[in-house]
Amino acid sequence: MAKKTVATLQTGAGKNYTKVIKMVKSEKTGAYGFREEIVHNDNVQDWFKS
């Protein structure tokens, strides 16, 4: 599935977007999980701050 995402991001307007992955700790169990999204290049730093 990752190959599909990367391939579509490299064509056309997809170069303006970045796939970001953030590690998040669960409050209930204390275990870590990953949250990933595709955001516009201008909003990458704001996404990590939130």
N, C-alpha and C. Protein backbone atom coordinates (compact mmCIF):
# COMPACT_ATOMS: atom_id res chain seq x y z
N MET A 1 0.82 -1.18 0.00
CA MET A 1 0.00 0.00 0.00
C MET A 1 0.87 1.26 0.00
N ALA A 2 2.00 1.24 0.67
CA ALA A 2 2.87 2.40 0.72
C ALA A 2 3.38 2.77 -0.66
N LYS A 3 3.65 1.77 -1.49
CA LYS A 3 4.14 2.06 -2.82
C LYS A 3 3.11 2.83 -3.62
N LYS A 4 1.84 2.48 -3.46
CA LYS A 4 0.78 3.19 -4.16
C LYS A 4 0.73 4.65 -3.74
N THR A 5 0.83 4.91 -2.45
CA THR A 5 0.78 6.27 -1.93
C THR A 5 1.94 7.09 -2.47
N VAL A 6 3.13 6.55 -2.42
CA VAL A 6 4.32 7.26 -2.90
C VAL A 6 4.21 7.53 -4.39
N ALA A 7 3.72 6.57 -5.15
CA ALA A 7 3.60 6.74 -6.59
C ALA A 7 2.62 7.85 -6.93
N THR A 8 1.52 7.94 -6.22
CA THR A 8 0.54 8.98 -6.54
C THR A 8 1.00 10.35 -6.07
N LEU A 9 1.82 10.40 -5.04
CA LEU A 9 2.30 11.69 -4.55
C LEU A 9 3.34 12.30 -5.48
N GLN A 10 3.99 11.52 -6.31
CA GLN A 10 5.06 12.03 -7.16
C GLN A 10 4.58 12.54 -8.50
N THR A 11 3.30 12.50 -8.78
CA THR A 11 2.80 12.96 -10.06
C THR A 11 1.91 14.17 -9.88
N GLY A 12 1.99 15.11 -10.78
CA GLY A 12 1.12 16.28 -10.78
C GLY A 12 1.23 17.12 -9.53
N ALA A 13 0.08 17.48 -8.98
CA ALA A 13 0.03 18.35 -7.80
C ALA A 13 0.39 17.62 -6.52
N GLY A 14 0.61 16.32 -6.60
CA GLY A 14 0.95 15.53 -5.42
C GLY A 14 2.28 15.92 -4.80
N LYS A 15 3.12 16.61 -5.55
CA LYS A 15 4.42 17.02 -5.00
C LYS A 15 4.26 18.10 -3.93
N ASN A 16 3.07 18.67 -3.83
CA ASN A 16 2.81 19.70 -2.82
C ASN A 16 2.40 19.10 -1.49
N TYR A 17 2.33 17.76 -1.40
CA TYR A 17 1.87 17.09 -0.20
C TYR A 17 2.94 16.16 0.34
N THR A 18 2.90 15.93 1.66
CA THR A 18 3.86 15.06 2.33
C THR A 18 3.12 14.10 3.24
N LYS A 19 3.56 12.86 3.27
CA LYS A 19 2.99 11.89 4.21
C LYS A 19 3.76 12.02 5.51
N VAL A 20 3.06 12.31 6.60
CA VAL A 20 3.69 12.50 7.90
C VAL A 20 3.22 11.41 8.86
N ILE A 21 4.14 10.96 9.70
CA ILE A 21 3.84 9.91 10.68
C ILE A 21 4.30 10.40 12.05
N LYS A 22 3.42 10.27 13.03
CA LYS A 22 3.72 10.75 14.38
C LYS A 22 3.42 9.64 15.37
N MET A 23 4.31 9.43 16.33
CA MET A 23 4.10 8.42 17.35
C MET A 23 3.32 9.06 18.50
N VAL A 24 2.21 8.39 18.90
CA VAL A 24 1.33 8.93 19.92
C VAL A 24 1.15 7.90 21.03
N LYS A 25 1.22 8.37 22.27
CA LYS A 25 1.05 7.47 23.41
C LYS A 25 -0.42 7.45 23.84
N SER A 26 -0.96 6.26 24.01
CA SER A 26 -2.35 6.09 24.43
C SER A 26 -2.46 6.40 25.93
N GLU A 27 -3.49 7.17 26.27
CA GLU A 27 -3.68 7.51 27.68
C GLU A 27 -4.23 6.33 28.48
N LYS A 28 -5.01 5.48 27.84
CA LYS A 28 -5.61 4.34 28.54
C LYS A 28 -4.59 3.26 28.87
N THR A 29 -3.85 2.80 27.87
CA THR A 29 -2.96 1.65 28.06
C THR A 29 -1.51 2.03 28.22
N GLY A 30 -1.12 3.22 27.79
CA GLY A 30 0.28 3.62 27.85
C GLY A 30 1.08 3.10 26.68
N ALA A 31 0.44 2.38 25.78
CA ALA A 31 1.13 1.85 24.60
C ALA A 31 1.26 2.95 23.54
N TYR A 32 2.24 2.79 22.68
CA TYR A 32 2.44 3.74 21.61
C TYR A 32 1.80 3.25 20.32
N GLY A 33 1.26 4.20 19.57
CA GLY A 33 0.68 3.91 18.27
C GLY A 33 1.13 4.96 17.29
N PHE A 34 0.82 4.77 16.05
CA PHE A 34 1.24 5.71 15.03
C PHE A 34 0.05 6.36 14.38
N ARG A 35 0.14 7.66 14.17
CA ARG A 35 -0.89 8.42 13.47
C ARG A 35 -0.27 8.96 12.20
N GLU A 36 -0.88 8.68 11.07
CA GLU A 36 -0.30 9.15 9.82
C GLU A 36 -1.36 9.81 8.96
N GLU A 37 -0.93 10.86 8.27
CA GLU A 37 -1.81 11.63 7.40
C GLU A 37 -1.00 12.16 6.24
N ILE A 38 -1.71 12.62 5.23
CA ILE A 38 -1.07 13.30 4.11
C ILE A 38 -1.49 14.76 4.20
N VAL A 39 -0.52 15.65 4.41
CA VAL A 39 -0.81 17.08 4.60
C VAL A 39 -0.03 17.91 3.58
N HIS A 40 -0.50 19.12 3.38
CA HIS A 40 0.16 20.04 2.46
C HIS A 40 1.52 20.44 3.04
N ASN A 41 2.49 20.67 2.17
CA ASN A 41 3.85 20.99 2.61
C ASN A 41 3.90 22.21 3.53
N ASP A 42 3.01 23.17 3.34
CA ASP A 42 3.01 24.37 4.18
C ASP A 42 2.53 24.09 5.60
N ASN A 43 1.81 22.99 5.81
CA ASN A 43 1.20 22.70 7.11
C ASN A 43 1.91 21.60 7.89
N VAL A 44 3.05 21.14 7.43
CA VAL A 44 3.73 20.01 8.08
C VAL A 44 4.14 20.37 9.51
N GLN A 45 4.78 21.50 9.71
CA GLN A 45 5.24 21.88 11.06
C GLN A 45 4.06 22.08 12.01
N ASP A 46 2.97 22.66 11.52
CA ASP A 46 1.78 22.87 12.35
C ASP A 46 1.17 21.54 12.76
N TRP A 47 1.19 20.55 11.84
CA TRP A 47 0.63 19.24 12.15
C TRP A 47 1.41 18.58 13.28
N PHE A 48 2.73 18.69 13.26
CA PHE A 48 3.53 18.06 14.31
C PHE A 48 3.36 18.77 15.65
N LYS A 49 3.09 20.07 15.65
CA LYS A 49 2.89 20.81 16.90
C LYS A 49 1.57 20.47 17.56
N SER A 50 0.57 20.07 16.77
CA SER A 50 -0.75 19.79 17.34
C SER A 50 -0.80 18.43 18.00
